[in-house]
């Protein structure tokens, strides 16, 4: 749950009470996703350079087609 200070900052950024309630409702899912990412980070960090290289190849090929 967001606290008073976080609520005020979010309101200052234009979020409504409903938006803040939605953020608070999603926090358990965000925390679970964060834990899963941390647990799998070694695998993700090994694959990231490969995917980046492949994406760059595809982007370069697409640029030559236009």
PDB file of N, CA and C in Angstrom:
ATOM      1  N   UNK A   1       0.840  -1.179   0.000  1.00  0.00           N
ATOM      2  CA  UNK A   1       0.000   0.000   0.000  1.00  0.00           C
ATOM      3  C   UNK A   1       0.887   1.245   0.000  1.00  0.00           C
ATOM      4  N   UNK A   2       0.449   2.212  -0.756  1.00  0.00           N
ATOM      5  CA  UNK A   2       1.172   3.467  -0.765  1.00  0.00           C
ATOM      6  C   UNK A   2       0.831   4.235   0.506  1.00  0.00           C
ATOM      7  N   UNK A   3       1.783   5.010   0.949  1.00  0.00           N
ATOM      8  CA  UNK A   3       1.577   5.808   2.147  1.00  0.00           C
ATOM      9  C   UNK A   3       1.124   7.219   1.789  1.00  0.00           C
ATOM     10  N   UNK A   4       1.020   8.042   2.800  1.00  0.00           N
ATOM     11  CA  UNK A   4       0.536   9.401   2.629  1.00  0.00           C
ATOM     12  C   UNK A   4       1.407  10.191   1.652  1.00  0.00           C
ATOM     13  N   UNK A   5       2.708  10.103   1.819  1.00  0.00           N
ATOM     14  CA  UNK A   5       3.621  10.866   0.957  1.00  0.00           C
ATOM     15  C   UNK A   5       3.521  10.376  -0.486  1.00  0.00           C
ATOM     16  N   UNK A   6       3.503   9.058  -0.676  1.00  0.00           N
ATOM     17  CA  UNK A   6       3.377   8.519  -2.029  1.00  0.00           C
ATOM     18  C   UNK A   6       2.058   8.942  -2.656  1.00  0.00           C
ATOM     19  N   UNK A   7       0.964   8.893  -1.869  1.00  0.00           N
ATOM     20  CA  UNK A   7      -0.340   9.315  -2.379  1.00  0.00           C
ATOM     21  C   UNK A   7      -0.304  10.763  -2.845  1.00  0.00           C
ATOM     22  N   UNK A   8       0.315  11.620  -2.052  1.00  0.00           N
ATOM     23  CA  UNK A   8       0.382  13.037  -2.422  1.00  0.00           C
ATOM     24  C   UNK A   8       1.207  13.226  -3.701  1.00  0.00           C
ATOM     25  N   UNK A   9       2.308  12.491  -3.828  1.00  0.00           N
ATOM     26  CA  UNK A   9       3.123  12.591  -5.045  1.00  0.00           C
ATOM     27  C   UNK A   9       2.354  12.087  -6.269  1.00  0.00           C
ATOM     28  N   UNK A  10       1.623  11.007  -6.092  1.00  0.00           N
ATOM     29  CA  UNK A  10       0.850  10.471  -7.208  1.00  0.00           C
ATOM     30  C   UNK A  10      -0.271  11.426  -7.607  1.00  0.00           C
ATOM     31  N   UNK A  11      -0.917  12.044  -6.620  1.00  0.00           N
ATOM     32  CA  UNK A  11      -1.956  13.035  -6.924  1.00  0.00           C
ATOM     33  C   UNK A  11      -1.346  14.241  -7.643  1.00  0.00           C
ATOM     34  N   UNK A  12      -0.160  14.649  -7.227  1.00  0.00           N
ATOM     35  CA  UNK A  12       0.516  15.773  -7.868  1.00  0.00           C
ATOM     36  C   UNK A  12       0.819  15.456  -9.337  1.00  0.00           C
ATOM     37  N   UNK A  13       1.051  14.182  -9.641  1.00  0.00           N
ATOM     38  CA  UNK A  13       1.306  13.764 -11.017  1.00  0.00           C
ATOM     39  C   UNK A  13       0.028  13.573 -11.814  1.00  0.00           C
ATOM     40  N   UNK A  14      -1.123  13.789 -11.193  1.00  0.00           N
ATOM     41  CA  UNK A  14      -2.382  13.742 -11.920  1.00  0.00           C
ATOM     42  C   UNK A  14      -3.208  12.493 -11.721  1.00  0.00           C
ATOM     43  N   UNK A  15      -2.788  11.591 -10.840  1.00  0.00           N
ATOM     44  CA  UNK A  15      -3.564  10.388 -10.615  1.00  0.00           C
ATOM     45  C   UNK A  15      -4.747  10.690  -9.703  1.00  0.00           C
ATOM     46  N   UNK A  16      -5.859  10.028  -9.960  1.00  0.00           N
ATOM     47  CA  UNK A  16      -7.056  10.184  -9.133  1.00  0.00           C
ATOM     48  C   UNK A  16      -7.027   9.171  -8.002  1.00  0.00           C
ATOM     49  N   UNK A  17      -7.995   9.282  -7.105  1.00  0.00           N
ATOM     50  CA  UNK A  17      -8.101   8.296  -6.027  1.00  0.00           C
ATOM     51  C   UNK A  17      -8.323   6.896  -6.585  1.00  0.00           C
ATOM     52  N   UNK A  18      -9.094   6.802  -7.666  1.00  0.00           N
ATOM     53  CA  UNK A  18      -9.332   5.494  -8.294  1.00  0.00           C
ATOM     54  C   UNK A  18      -8.031   4.930  -8.869  1.00  0.00           C
ATOM     55  N   UNK A  19      -7.227   5.802  -9.470  1.00  0.00           N
ATOM     56  CA  UNK A  19      -5.941   5.362 -10.013  1.00  0.00           C
ATOM     57  C   UNK A  19      -5.039   4.843  -8.899  1.00  0.00           C
ATOM     58  N   UNK A  20      -4.996   5.569  -7.797  1.00  0.00           N
ATOM     59  CA  UNK A  20      -4.155   5.167  -6.665  1.00  0.00           C
ATOM     60  C   UNK A  20      -4.661   3.860  -6.075  1.00  0.00           C
ATOM     61  N   UNK A  21      -5.979   3.688  -6.007  1.00  0.00           N
ATOM     62  CA  UNK A  21      -6.550   2.429  -5.514  1.00  0.00           C
ATOM     63  C   UNK A  21      -6.157   1.278  -6.433  1.00  0.00           C
ATOM     64  N   UNK A  22      -6.139   1.528  -7.737  1.00  0.00           N
ATOM     65  CA  UNK A  22      -5.737   0.486  -8.689  1.00  0.00           C
ATOM     66  C   UNK A  22      -4.260   0.133  -8.513  1.00  0.00           C
ATOM     67  N   UNK A  23      -3.430   1.139  -8.277  1.00  0.00           N
ATOM     68  CA  UNK A  23      -2.010   0.887  -8.018  1.00  0.00           C
ATOM     69  C   UNK A  23      -1.865   0.037  -6.764  1.00  0.00           C
ATOM     70  N   UNK A  24      -2.565   0.404  -5.712  1.00  0.00           N
ATOM     71  CA  UNK A  24      -2.485  -0.354  -4.464  1.00  0.00           C
ATOM     72  C   UNK A  24      -2.981  -1.788  -4.638  1.00  0.00           C
ATOM     73  N   UNK A  25      -4.015  -1.976  -5.455  1.00  0.00           N
ATOM     74  CA  UNK A  25      -4.534  -3.326  -5.691  1.00  0.00           C
ATOM     75  C   UNK A  25      -3.538  -4.175  -6.474  1.00  0.00           C
ATOM     76  N   UNK A  26      -2.738  -3.523  -7.323  1.00  0.00           N
ATOM     77  CA  UNK A  26      -1.784  -4.251  -8.160  1.00  0.00           C
ATOM     78  C   UNK A  26      -0.457  -4.521  -7.459  1.00  0.00           C
ATOM     79  N   UNK A  27      -0.210  -3.879  -6.326  1.00  0.00           N
ATOM     80  CA  UNK A  27       1.092  -4.024  -5.670  1.00  0.00           C
ATOM     81  C   UNK A  27       1.479  -5.466  -5.356  1.00  0.00           C
ATOM     82  N   UNK A  28       0.570  -6.333  -4.870  1.00  0.00           N
ATOM     83  CA  UNK A  28       0.994  -7.725  -4.636  1.00  0.00           C
ATOM     84  C   UNK A  28       1.468  -8.422  -5.913  1.00  0.00           C
ATOM     85  N   UNK A  29       0.816  -8.142  -7.038  1.00  0.00           N
ATOM     86  CA  UNK A  29       1.246  -8.733  -8.307  1.00  0.00           C
ATOM     87  C   UNK A  29       2.596  -8.176  -8.732  1.00  0.00           C
ATOM     88  N   UNK A  30       2.803  -6.887  -8.525  1.00  0.00           N
ATOM     89  CA  UNK A  30       4.085  -6.265  -8.859  1.00  0.00           C
ATOM     90  C   UNK A  30       5.194  -6.876  -8.009  1.00  0.00           C
ATOM     91  N   UNK A  31       4.923  -7.074  -6.731  1.00  0.00           N
ATOM     92  CA  UNK A  31       5.923  -7.669  -5.844  1.00  0.00           C
ATOM     93  C   UNK A  31       6.237  -9.104  -6.248  1.00  0.00           C
ATOM     94  N   UNK A  32       5.222  -9.861  -6.647  1.00  0.00           N
ATOM     95  CA  UNK A  32       5.442 -11.238  -7.094  1.00  0.00           C
ATOM     96  C   UNK A  32       6.252 -11.260  -8.386  1.00  0.00           C
ATOM     97  N   UNK A  33       5.944 -10.350  -9.307  1.00  0.00           N
ATOM     98  CA  UNK A  33       6.695 -10.272 -10.552  1.00  0.00           C
ATOM     99  C   UNK A  33       8.139  -9.861 -10.290  1.00  0.00           C
ATOM    100  N   UNK A  34       8.342  -8.933  -9.368  1.00  0.00           N
ATOM    101  CA  UNK A  34       9.691  -8.519  -9.004  1.00  0.00           C
ATOM    102  C   UNK A  34      10.488  -9.691  -8.445  1.00  0.00           C
ATOM    103  N   UNK A  35       9.869 -10.481  -7.588  1.00  0.00           N
ATOM    104  CA  UNK A  35      10.549 -11.647  -7.022  1.00  0.00           C
ATOM    105  C   UNK A  35      10.898 -12.663  -8.106  1.00  0.00           C
ATOM    106  N   UNK A  36       9.968 -12.875  -9.049  1.00  0.00           N
ATOM    107  CA  UNK A  36      10.231 -13.816 -10.141  1.00  0.00           C
ATOM    108  C   UNK A  36      11.365 -13.322 -11.031  1.00  0.00           C
ATOM    109  N   UNK A  37      11.376 -12.014 -11.336  1.00  0.00           N
ATOM    110  CA  UNK A  37      12.456 -11.463 -12.157  1.00  0.00           C
ATOM    111  C   UNK A  37      13.803 -11.587 -11.458  1.00  0.00           C
ATOM    112  N   UNK A  38      13.827 -11.315 -10.167  1.00  0.00           N
ATOM    113  CA  UNK A  38      15.083 -11.447  -9.429  1.00  0.00           C
ATOM    114  C   UNK A  38      15.566 -12.886  -9.410  1.00  0.00           C
ATOM    115  N   UNK A  39      14.637 -13.818  -9.272  1.00  0.00           N
ATOM    116  CA  UNK A  39      15.016 -15.234  -9.249  1.00  0.00           C
ATOM    117  C   UNK A  39      15.547 -15.691 -10.600  1.00  0.00           C
ATOM    118  N   UNK A  40      15.004 -15.139 -11.687  1.00  0.00           N
ATOM    119  CA  UNK A  40      15.389 -15.568 -13.025  1.00  0.00           C
ATOM    120  C   UNK A  40      16.402 -14.633 -13.682  1.00  0.00           C
ATOM    121  N   UNK A  41      16.853 -13.604 -12.972  1.00  0.00           N
ATOM    122  CA  UNK A  41      17.746 -12.616 -13.580  1.00  0.00           C
ATOM    123  C   UNK A  41      19.014 -13.211 -14.196  1.00  0.00           C
ATOM    124  N   UNK A  42      19.656 -14.200 -13.581  1.00  0.00           N
ATOM    125  CA  UNK A  42      20.847 -14.766 -14.236  1.00  0.00           C
ATOM    126  C   UNK A  42      20.550 -15.314 -15.634  1.00  0.00           C
ATOM    127  N   UNK A  43      19.412 -15.966 -15.800  1.00  0.00           N
ATOM    128  CA  UNK A  43      19.046 -16.480 -17.123  1.00  0.00           C
ATOM    129  C   UNK A  43      18.705 -15.347 -18.078  1.00  0.00           C
ATOM    130  N   UNK A  44      17.969 -14.360 -17.587  1.00  0.00           N
ATOM    131  CA  UNK A  44      17.582 -13.224 -18.418  1.00  0.00           C
ATOM    132  C   UNK A  44      18.821 -12.484 -18.901  1.00  0.00           C
ATOM    133  N   UNK A  45      19.770 -12.258 -18.013  1.00  0.00           N
ATOM    134  CA  UNK A  45      20.958 -11.495 -18.390  1.00  0.00           C
ATOM    135  C   UNK A  45      21.836 -12.258 -19.387  1.00  0.00           C
ATOM    136  N   UNK A  46      21.762 -13.579 -19.392  1.00  0.00           N
ATOM    137  CA  UNK A  46      22.498 -14.352 -20.398  1.00  0.00           C
ATOM    138  C   UNK A  46      21.827 -14.254 -21.763  1.00  0.00           C
ATOM    139  N   UNK A  47      20.496 -14.180 -21.789  1.00  0.00           N
ATOM    140  CA  UNK A  47      19.772 -14.150 -23.055  1.00  0.00           C
ATOM    141  C   UNK A  47      19.659 -12.749 -23.652  1.00  0.00           C
ATOM    142  N   UNK A  48      19.736 -11.725 -22.827  1.00  0.00           N
ATOM    143  CA  UNK A  48      19.541 -10.351 -23.305  1.00  0.00           C
ATOM    144  C   UNK A  48      20.493  -9.978 -24.446  1.00  0.00           C
ATOM    145  N   UNK A  49      21.792 -10.249 -24.353  1.00  0.00           N
ATOM    146  CA  UNK A  49      22.679  -9.878 -25.479  1.00  0.00           C
ATOM    147  C   UNK A  49      22.319 -10.610 -26.774  1.00  0.00           C
ATOM    148  N   UNK A  50      21.905 -11.848 -26.675  1.00  0.00           N
ATOM    149  CA  UNK A  50      21.501 -12.604 -27.869  1.00  0.00           C
ATOM    150  C   UNK A  50      20.284 -11.957 -28.516  1.00  0.00           C
ATOM    151  N   UNK A  51      19.255 -11.669 -27.715  1.00  0.00           N
ATOM    152  CA  UNK A  51      18.053 -11.051 -28.263  1.00  0.00           C
ATOM    153  C   UNK A  51      18.351  -9.667 -28.830  1.00  0.00           C
ATOM    154  N   UNK A  52      19.196  -8.916 -28.186  1.00  0.00           N
ATOM    155  CA  UNK A  52      19.557  -7.589 -28.676  1.00  0.00           C
ATOM    156  C   UNK A  52      20.239  -7.690 -30.038  1.00  0.00           C
ATOM    157  N   UNK A  53      21.149  -8.630 -30.170  1.00  0.00           N
ATOM    158  CA  UNK A  53      21.838  -8.823 -31.447  1.00  0.00           C
ATOM    159  C   UNK A  53      20.852  -9.233 -32.534  1.00  0.00           C
ATOM    160  N   UNK A  54      19.945 -10.164 -32.211  1.00  0.00           N
ATOM    161  CA  UNK A  54      18.960 -10.608 -33.198  1.00  0.00           C
ATOM    162  C   UNK A  54      18.013  -9.482 -33.595  1.00  0.00           C
ATOM    163  N   UNK A  55      17.550  -8.705 -32.620  1.00  0.00           N
ATOM    164  CA  UNK A  55      16.667  -7.579 -32.920  1.00  0.00           C
ATOM    165  C   UNK A  55      17.367  -6.562 -33.806  1.00  0.00           C
ATOM    166  N   UNK A  56      18.634  -6.311 -33.549  1.00  0.00           N
ATOM    167  CA  UNK A  56      19.379  -5.356 -34.372  1.00  0.00           C
ATOM    168  C   UNK A  56      19.527  -5.858 -35.804  1.00  0.00           C
ATOM    169  N   UNK A  57      19.702  -7.155 -35.987  1.00  0.00           N
ATOM    170  CA  UNK A  57      19.787  -7.726 -37.328  1.00  0.00           C
ATOM    171  C   UNK A  57      18.462  -7.547 -38.058  1.00  0.00           C
ATOM    172  N   UNK A  58      17.363  -7.838 -37.371  1.00  0.00           N
ATOM    173  CA  UNK A  58      16.036  -7.710 -37.984  1.00  0.00           C
ATOM    174  C   UNK A  58      15.752  -6.246 -38.319  1.00  0.00           C
ATOM    175  N   UNK A  59      16.075  -5.336 -37.418  1.00  0.00           N
ATOM    176  CA  UNK A  59      15.852  -3.909 -37.665  1.00  0.00           C
ATOM    177  C   UNK A  59      16.674  -3.442 -38.859  1.00  0.00           C
ATOM    178  N   UNK A  60      17.924  -3.863 -38.930  1.00  0.00           N
ATOM    179  CA  UNK A  60      18.771  -3.483 -40.067  1.00  0.00           C
ATOM    180  C   UNK A  60      18.191  -4.010 -41.371  1.00  0.00           C
ATOM    181  N   UNK A  61      17.698  -5.233 -41.362  1.00  0.00           N
ATOM    182  CA  UNK A  61      17.094  -5.811 -42.569  1.00  0.00           C
ATOM    183  C   UNK A  61      15.843  -5.037 -42.963  1.00  0.00           C
ATOM    184  N   UNK A  62      15.006  -4.680 -42.004  1.00  0.00           N
ATOM    185  CA  UNK A  62      13.790  -3.926 -42.298  1.00  0.00           C
ATOM    186  C   UNK A  62      14.116  -2.553 -42.886  1.00  0.00           C
ATOM    187  N   UNK A  63      15.176  -1.945 -42.430  1.00  0.00           N
ATOM    188  CA  UNK A  63      15.568  -0.631 -42.959  1.00  0.00           C
ATOM    189  C   UNK A  63      15.992  -0.719 -44.427  1.00  0.00           C
ATOM    190  N   UNK A  64      16.574  -1.851 -44.816  1.00  0.00           N
ATOM    191  CA  UNK A  64      16.988  -2.002 -46.208  1.00  0.00           C
ATOM    192  C   UNK A  64      15.794  -2.263 -47.127  1.00  0.00           C
ATOM    193  N   UNK A  65      14.675  -2.700 -46.569  1.00  0.00           N
ATOM    194  CA  UNK A  65      13.493  -3.003 -47.374  1.00  0.00           C
ATOM    195  C   UNK A  65      12.665  -1.770 -47.699  1.00  0.00           C
ATOM    196  N   UNK A  66      12.892  -0.687 -46.992  1.00  0.00           N
ATOM    197  CA  UNK A  66      12.066   0.511 -47.243  1.00  0.00           C
ATOM    198  C   UNK A  66      12.652   1.413 -48.278  1.00  0.00           C
TER     199      UNK A  66
END
